Each structure stands twice: as C-alpha cells, then as structure tokens.
Protein backbone atom coordinates (compact mmCIF):
# COMPACT_ATOMS: atom_id res chain seq x y z
CA UNK A 1 -6.58 11.23 -25.28
CA UNK A 2 -6.86 7.50 -25.72
CA UNK A 3 -4.15 4.93 -24.97
CA UNK A 4 -3.85 4.23 -28.70
CA UNK A 5 -2.23 7.61 -29.28
CA UNK A 6 -0.34 8.08 -25.96
CA UNK A 7 3.44 8.72 -25.71
CA UNK A 8 5.45 10.11 -22.82
CA UNK A 9 5.23 13.50 -24.51
CA UNK A 10 1.60 13.57 -23.37
CA UNK A 11 2.55 13.44 -19.66
CA UNK A 12 1.27 16.61 -18.02
CA UNK A 13 3.49 18.85 -15.87
CA UNK A 14 4.49 17.11 -12.64
CA UNK A 15 5.76 20.16 -10.71
CA UNK A 16 5.19 19.72 -6.98
CA UNK A 17 4.97 15.95 -7.17
CA UNK A 18 7.53 13.48 -5.74
CA UNK A 19 8.19 10.06 -7.21
CA UNK A 20 10.27 7.16 -5.85
CA UNK A 21 11.49 4.50 -8.27
CA UNK A 22 13.24 1.32 -7.14
CA UNK A 23 16.02 0.02 -9.36
CA UNK A 24 16.40 3.55 -10.73
CA UNK A 25 20.12 3.37 -11.41
CA UNK A 26 19.78 1.73 -14.82
CA UNK A 27 17.48 0.36 -17.50
CA UNK A 28 13.70 0.82 -17.24
CA UNK A 29 13.97 2.34 -13.74
CA UNK A 30 16.46 4.98 -14.87
CA UNK A 31 14.35 5.88 -17.96
CA UNK A 32 11.22 6.12 -15.79
CA UNK A 33 12.97 8.47 -13.38
CA UNK A 34 14.40 10.47 -16.25
CA UNK A 35 11.06 11.10 -17.93
CA UNK A 36 9.27 11.92 -14.70
CA UNK A 37 12.07 14.42 -13.82
CA UNK A 38 11.87 15.97 -17.35
CA UNK A 39 8.15 16.72 -16.63
CA UNK A 40 9.01 18.46 -13.40
CA UNK A 41 8.72 15.76 -10.74
CA UNK A 42 11.17 15.54 -7.85
CA UNK A 43 12.61 12.06 -8.10
CA UNK A 44 14.02 9.74 -5.44
CA UNK A 45 16.31 7.19 -7.01
CA UNK A 46 16.30 4.03 -4.94
CA UNK A 47 18.74 1.13 -5.31
CA UNK A 48 21.15 -1.07 -3.51
CA UNK A 49 24.46 0.18 -4.80
CA UNK A 50 25.34 3.76 -3.68
CA UNK A 51 28.02 4.15 -6.38
CA UNK A 52 25.61 3.22 -9.17
CA UNK A 53 23.02 5.57 -7.72
CA UNK A 54 25.51 8.45 -7.56
CA UNK A 55 26.46 7.79 -11.22
CA UNK A 56 22.76 7.79 -12.26
CA UNK A 57 22.13 11.00 -10.32
CA UNK A 58 25.09 12.67 -12.02
CA UNK A 59 23.80 11.67 -15.47
CA UNK A 60 20.37 13.04 -14.67
CA UNK A 61 21.80 16.33 -13.38
CA UNK A 62 23.85 16.72 -16.51
CA UNK A 63 20.85 15.93 -18.71
CA UNK A 64 18.17 17.95 -16.94
CA UNK A 65 19.25 21.39 -15.65
CA UNK A 66 17.63 22.21 -12.33
CA UNK A 67 16.43 18.63 -11.74
CA UNK A 68 15.35 17.93 -8.23
CA UNK A 69 16.52 14.50 -7.09
CA UNK A 70 17.83 12.53 -4.17
CA UNK A 71 19.19 8.96 -3.88
CA UNK A 72 17.84 6.41 -1.42
CA UNK A 73 20.08 3.37 -0.58
CA UNK A 74 17.70 0.44 -0.47
CA UNK A 75 18.29 -3.27 -0.41
CA UNK A 76 15.04 -5.07 -1.11
CA UNK A 77 16.55 -8.35 0.21
CA UNK A 78 16.89 -6.96 3.72
CA UNK A 79 13.71 -6.12 5.63
CA UNK A 80 15.52 -3.99 8.24
CA UNK A 81 17.20 -1.98 5.44
CA UNK A 82 13.82 -1.46 3.84
CA UNK A 83 12.31 -0.17 7.05
CA UNK A 84 15.24 2.13 7.68
CA UNK A 85 15.23 3.53 4.18
CA UNK A 86 11.47 4.21 4.22
CA UNK A 87 11.35 5.71 7.77
CA UNK A 88 12.45 9.29 7.03
CA UNK A 89 10.20 9.46 3.99
CA UNK A 90 7.19 8.08 5.92
CA UNK A 91 7.83 10.47 8.82
CA UNK A 92 7.16 13.71 6.96
CA UNK A 93 7.32 13.44 3.13
CA UNK A 94 4.47 13.41 0.69
CA UNK A 95 4.95 10.72 -1.95
CA UNK A 96 2.83 10.98 -5.04
CA UNK A 97 4.29 8.25 -7.24
CA UNK A 98 5.86 4.94 -6.17
CA UNK A 99 7.20 2.70 -8.92
CA UNK A 100 8.17 -0.75 -7.63
CA UNK A 101 10.40 -1.62 -10.55
CA UNK A 102 13.50 -3.46 -9.26
CA UNK A 103 13.88 -7.21 -9.47
CA UNK A 104 15.98 -10.35 -9.75
CA UNK A 105 15.60 -13.10 -12.23
CA UNK A 106 16.99 -16.59 -13.03
CA UNK A 107 18.92 -17.17 -9.79
CA UNK A 108 20.41 -20.55 -10.57
CA UNK A 109 19.79 -22.28 -7.25
CA UNK A 110 17.55 -21.61 -4.33
CA UNK A 111 19.07 -18.81 -2.28
CA UNK A 112 17.66 -16.67 0.50
CA UNK A 113 17.49 -13.02 1.50
CA UNK A 114 19.10 -11.80 4.66
CA UNK A 115 15.85 -12.69 6.43
CA UNK A 116 15.63 -16.25 5.10
CA UNK A 117 13.10 -15.66 2.35
CA UNK A 118 13.48 -17.33 -1.06
CA UNK A 119 15.49 -14.67 -2.93
CA UNK A 120 13.39 -14.10 -6.10
CA UNK A 121 9.97 -13.83 -4.42
CA UNK A 122 11.58 -12.22 -1.37
CA UNK A 123 13.00 -9.44 -3.45
CA UNK A 124 10.53 -8.98 -6.26
CA UNK A 125 7.29 -9.28 -4.22
CA UNK A 126 7.92 -9.32 -0.47
CA UNK A 127 10.52 -6.58 -0.48
CA UNK A 128 8.20 -4.30 -2.43
CA UNK A 129 5.25 -5.34 -0.20
CA UNK A 130 7.21 -4.28 2.88
CA UNK A 131 8.50 -1.08 1.19
CA UNK A 132 4.93 -0.02 0.10
CA UNK A 133 3.58 -0.73 3.59
CA UNK A 134 6.31 1.39 5.25
CA UNK A 135 5.73 4.23 2.74
CA UNK A 136 2.00 4.23 3.11
CA UNK A 137 1.91 7.27 5.48
CA UNK A 138 3.79 9.32 2.82
CA UNK A 139 1.49 8.05 0.01
CA UNK A 140 -1.58 8.81 2.09
CA UNK A 141 -0.52 12.55 2.33
CA UNK A 142 -0.80 12.84 -1.40
CA UNK A 143 -4.02 14.02 -2.92
CA UNK A 144 -3.90 11.27 -5.57
CA UNK A 145 -1.03 8.78 -5.20
CA UNK A 146 -0.11 6.21 -7.81
CA UNK A 147 1.45 2.90 -6.78
CA UNK A 148 2.87 1.06 -9.80
CA UNK A 149 4.03 -2.58 -9.67
CA UNK A 150 6.28 -3.61 -12.54
CA UNK A 151 5.37 -7.26 -13.31
CA UNK A 152 6.23 -9.25 -16.45
CA UNK A 153 4.58 -11.45 -19.09
CA UNK A 154 5.94 -14.34 -17.03
CA UNK A 155 3.02 -13.69 -14.66
CA UNK A 156 0.77 -15.46 -17.16
CA UNK A 157 2.76 -18.73 -17.08
CA UNK A 158 1.26 -21.74 -15.42
CA UNK A 159 4.44 -22.17 -13.42
CA UNK A 160 3.59 -18.90 -11.67
CA UNK A 161 1.05 -20.63 -9.40
CA UNK A 162 1.42 -19.12 -5.94
CA UNK A 163 1.38 -22.41 -4.05
CA UNK A 164 4.68 -23.21 -2.42
CA UNK A 165 5.41 -19.51 -2.49
CA UNK A 166 8.86 -19.97 -0.98
CA UNK A 167 9.79 -22.82 -3.26
CA UNK A 168 10.47 -25.09 -0.31
CA UNK A 169 9.23 -28.26 -2.06
CA UNK A 170 10.88 -27.60 -5.43
CA UNK A 171 12.96 -24.75 -6.76
CA UNK A 172 13.11 -23.84 -10.45
CA UNK A 173 14.65 -20.47 -11.32
CA UNK A 174 12.07 -19.26 -13.82
CA UNK A 175 9.15 -20.70 -11.90
CA UNK A 176 10.30 -18.59 -8.91
CA UNK A 177 10.48 -15.60 -11.17
CA UNK A 178 6.97 -16.28 -12.60
CA UNK A 179 5.60 -16.63 -9.03
CA UNK A 180 7.08 -13.30 -8.02
CA UNK A 181 5.62 -11.49 -11.04
CA UNK A 182 2.15 -12.97 -10.53
CA UNK A 183 2.40 -12.06 -6.84
CA UNK A 184 3.11 -8.46 -7.96
CA UNK A 185 -0.26 -8.41 -9.83
CA UNK A 186 -2.30 -10.23 -7.13
CA UNK A 187 -0.89 -7.85 -4.49
CA UNK A 188 -1.72 -4.87 -6.62
CA UNK A 189 -5.29 -6.08 -7.17
CA UNK A 190 -5.72 -6.52 -3.43
CA UNK A 191 -4.20 -3.13 -2.69
CA UNK A 192 -6.63 -1.54 -5.24
CA UNK A 193 -9.54 -3.21 -3.45
CA UNK A 194 -8.38 -1.88 -0.11
CA UNK A 195 -7.84 1.61 -1.52
CA UNK A 196 -11.52 1.50 -2.48
CA UNK A 197 -11.57 3.14 -5.95
CA UNK A 198 -10.74 6.63 -4.76
CA UNK A 199 -8.05 9.05 -5.81
CA UNK A 200 -5.29 6.76 -4.74
CA UNK A 201 -4.63 4.02 -7.31
CA UNK A 202 -2.61 0.85 -7.54
CA UNK A 203 -1.79 -0.30 -11.06
CA UNK A 204 0.29 -3.22 -12.31
CA UNK A 205 2.18 -3.13 -15.61
CA UNK A 206 4.42 -5.31 -17.72
CA UNK A 207 7.07 -3.79 -20.04
CA UNK A 208 6.58 -6.36 -22.81
CA UNK A 209 8.08 -9.72 -23.65
CA UNK A 210 10.77 -7.74 -25.38
CA UNK A 211 12.36 -7.33 -21.95
CA UNK A 212 13.81 -10.78 -21.52
CA UNK A 213 17.47 -10.08 -21.19
CA UNK A 214 17.78 -9.19 -17.51
CA UNK A 215 21.33 -8.49 -16.57
CA UNK A 216 22.35 -10.20 -13.39
CA UNK A 217 25.07 -8.64 -11.29
CA UNK A 218 26.29 -11.21 -8.76
CA UNK A 219 29.06 -10.71 -6.32
CA UNK A 220 30.94 -12.85 -3.81
CA UNK A 221 29.62 -12.77 -0.36
CA UNK A 222 26.15 -12.77 1.02
CA UNK A 223 23.24 -13.60 -1.31
CA UNK A 224 21.33 -10.45 -0.45
CA UNK A 225 23.64 -8.69 -2.91
CA UNK A 226 21.89 -10.29 -5.87
CA UNK A 227 19.45 -7.40 -5.95
CA UNK A 228 19.38 -5.98 -9.46
CA UNK A 229 17.27 -3.70 -11.55
CA UNK A 230 15.61 -4.54 -14.89
CA UNK A 231 18.32 -3.99 -17.44
CA UNK A 232 18.40 -1.54 -20.28
CA UNK A 233 19.31 -4.12 -22.94
CA UNK A 234 16.45 -6.10 -24.50
CA UNK A 235 16.10 -8.53 -27.28
CA UNK A 236 13.42 -6.64 -29.24
CA UNK A 237 13.13 -3.19 -27.73
CA UNK A 238 14.75 -0.49 -25.66
CA UNK A 239 14.50 0.66 -22.05
CA UNK A 240 12.86 3.76 -23.46
CA UNK A 241 9.88 1.94 -24.90
CA UNK A 242 9.81 -0.64 -22.13
CA UNK A 243 9.32 2.20 -19.61
CA UNK A 244 6.14 3.49 -21.30
CA UNK A 245 3.72 1.22 -19.37
CA UNK A 246 5.15 2.42 -16.04
CA UNK A 247 5.00 6.02 -17.08
CA UNK A 248 1.47 5.65 -18.35
CA UNK A 249 0.35 3.92 -15.16
CA UNK A 250 2.04 6.60 -13.05
CA UNK A 251 0.53 9.61 -14.78
CA UNK A 252 -2.42 8.91 -17.05
CA UNK A 253 -5.96 9.77 -15.68
CA UNK A 254 -7.37 6.67 -17.35
CA UNK A 255 -5.03 4.24 -15.59
CA UNK A 256 -7.62 3.11 -13.14
CA UNK A 257 -6.95 1.23 -9.86
CA UNK A 258 -6.50 -2.47 -10.40
CA UNK A 259 -5.70 -2.13 -14.12
CA UNK A 260 -3.00 -4.22 -15.81
CA UNK A 261 -1.12 -2.16 -18.38
CA UNK A 262 1.06 -3.57 -21.19
CA UNK A 263 2.25 -2.68 -24.68
CA UNK A 264 -0.37 -2.64 -27.44
CA UNK A 265 1.85 -4.17 -30.12
CA UNK A 266 1.75 -7.70 -31.49
CA UNK A 267 2.03 -10.26 -28.67
CA UNK A 268 2.35 -7.35 -26.21
CA UNK A 269 6.00 -7.01 -27.03
CA UNK A 270 6.13 -3.29 -27.65
CA UNK A 271 4.04 -0.27 -28.52
CA UNK A 272 1.88 2.29 -26.82
CA UNK A 273 0.48 1.22 -23.41
CA UNK A 274 -3.07 -0.04 -22.98
CA UNK A 275 -5.06 -2.22 -20.51
CA UNK A 276 -4.34 -5.88 -21.12
CA UNK A 277 -6.06 -9.03 -19.64
CA UNK A 278 -5.04 -10.11 -16.20
CA UNK A 279 -3.48 -13.51 -15.76
CA UNK A 280 -6.19 -16.13 -15.04
CA UNK A 281 -7.34 -15.95 -11.38
CA UNK A 282 -5.20 -12.94 -10.49
CA UNK A 283 -8.26 -10.93 -9.63
CA UNK A 284 -9.59 -13.46 -7.06
CA UNK A 285 -10.43 -11.62 -3.87
CA UNK A 286 -9.75 -14.76 -1.85
CA UNK A 287 -6.34 -15.21 -3.33
CA UNK A 288 -5.58 -11.51 -2.79
CA UNK A 289 -6.60 -11.65 0.88
CA UNK A 290 -4.54 -14.85 1.37
CA UNK A 291 -1.43 -13.42 -0.29
CA UNK A 292 -1.75 -10.23 1.81
CA UNK A 293 -1.90 -12.20 5.07
CA UNK A 294 0.89 -14.51 3.97
CA UNK A 295 3.12 -11.54 2.97
CA UNK A 296 2.50 -9.94 6.42
CA UNK A 297 3.41 -13.23 8.07
CA UNK A 298 6.56 -13.77 6.06
CA UNK A 299 7.82 -10.18 6.39
CA UNK A 300 6.54 -9.47 9.91
CA UNK A 301 5.16 -6.18 8.53
CA UNK A 302 1.56 -5.14 9.22
CA UNK A 303 0.26 -3.32 6.17
CA UNK A 304 -2.45 -0.92 7.08
CA UNK A 305 -4.28 0.97 4.33
CA UNK A 306 -6.03 4.07 5.71
CA UNK A 307 -9.79 3.67 5.61
CA UNK A 308 -9.78 -0.01 4.71
CA UNK A 309 -10.91 -2.95 6.73
CA UNK A 310 -8.93 -6.14 7.12
CA UNK A 311 -10.34 -8.99 5.05
CA UNK A 312 -10.05 -12.70 5.69
CA UNK A 313 -10.24 -15.67 3.45
CA UNK A 314 -10.67 -19.47 3.82
CA UNK A 315 -7.65 -20.11 1.62
C-alpha cells in the first residue's frame, strides 16, 4: 500500500490500542477520534471544556455502538492542569497513540497563559511539550507508540523563525502562530532523534492550507480560556479530509519517525497523505536541542526519553 492510494478505510484493526487526542471535541480532533474508534481503538477525548467533551462523547457513543471512550479535562494553557490530567494516565495506562491536535490562532494582542507564557506558543507548542513529557511513561509501555504533532502550512513562513520565541520584543498574531507551528515540527524532529529510530515514532503533520478558518472561542475572564481546537469548517475542505494526515501518521507502517506528512493535492491543500518537505532548517539538530532545552526551561518540565542521552548545543 502506497501513500498515493491510502484512505482511512485502509487503517488496520486497532483493537487493544489506546489513543489520546487533544482538541477532540470538534473539527479535526473529533474526526480523528471518531475514525480511530471506528477501527477499534479506545479513545481518550481531551479538551478544556467538560460540557463540549461530554457532547462529543455522546455523539460518538450514538454513532459507534460499543465504543470505548473516556474524556480528559485538559487546559493546555495551564501547566499544573496538564500535569494533573496526565498523572493518572502516566501512572498505569499504556498509551499507543498521542495526537497533539489542539491549538489557538490569531490572538489579537499578546496575552499569556496562566503561567505567564505567550499564549499561542505557550498553548500550541509548550503545552503539548509538557503533556508529551508527562505522558512518556504511558507511551513507553506501548510496543510501538505513535506521537503525532499537528502543525500547519504556516510553519513554512519566514515569520515562523524561532528567535524571540515568547514574542517579547514584538508581537504579531500570525507570526506567533507560525512560530508555534514551526516549533511543533522542530520538537517532533528532536523527539524522533531521541527515540532513536525504533518502534516508537514521532511524526509531524499538516492538514493542508485548506484549514485556514480556525474558529476562536473567547470568553470573558482569564486568558487561559482561549484554548481552542482546530475547527471543522474550512475554506476549501472538510474536517474529514483534513484529518487524513493525522490518521495516516498515527497508523500507517510507512509513517517513519521524523517524517512530515501533508496532503498530496495541488499546493498541499487536500488529498491523500504523503511525506512532504520539511520547512527549511527544521531538521537542524542544533536547533532541536536548543528548543528542547528552552522548552524545559520555560515549562519547568524535565522531558526524559527512555534510552536517550541528553544533548547540548552551542545555540
């Protein structure tokens, strides 16, 4: 089976496997959870809003008789909440698939998470960095775990340069988004290096430039509540098709560690998933080591990958 002919119908049975998807209450995250559940996986729906999670769970139970699912309340803008949500899973669960899907976009002015991190990078990259670190014991119990980071075509923009990661010198909404999406890829590349090319794989994806209409749900009160999932509505495609790269990365044997998967169609807007070129410089080992250390410093989370050695860089 080649990527040129792949559809979600080709996903093998996933009975006995457990998947956690962030931002699973709507859009791409919901569709990813739905398809994995249809193929037999037990799914953990993670998101900030318990009411939205309950509604998503009810829809899945109505759609898939006998589905095995649970909800996990998770605010990626709160490092304590991330630790607390991950703790019971890390303590004794086996996690086979982690899809870091949730995100924020186009926050009009510089805002911060509960922990004082710039909100877009703090949520999209640092929140997922901390979550993956805390879930590593559960992932390590799997015979062949997949860790999927949902990036975006914005990762290729020049404004996504990772200098001034917290936008302290200058804040521009879409530059912060581009930084966060490039950081997703650089982090995944570094994680793949530390995993060492074995059965455990870290893969980055982008859902296509079709997914440009992110719905933002803001509320009065603390800015940590700006956490949102990628929305179902798109300008040129659907959440169904936009979920294909995530599903491919999570299940296909040819999705190798460190790959970047996107749609095969014109301008990578839609179509069957395939490996696509990395943004320039995203595979730099020095940059990966620097971002790893900087992410540990900013989050206060030490990310240990079983069997890997810490690496340093002059950056």
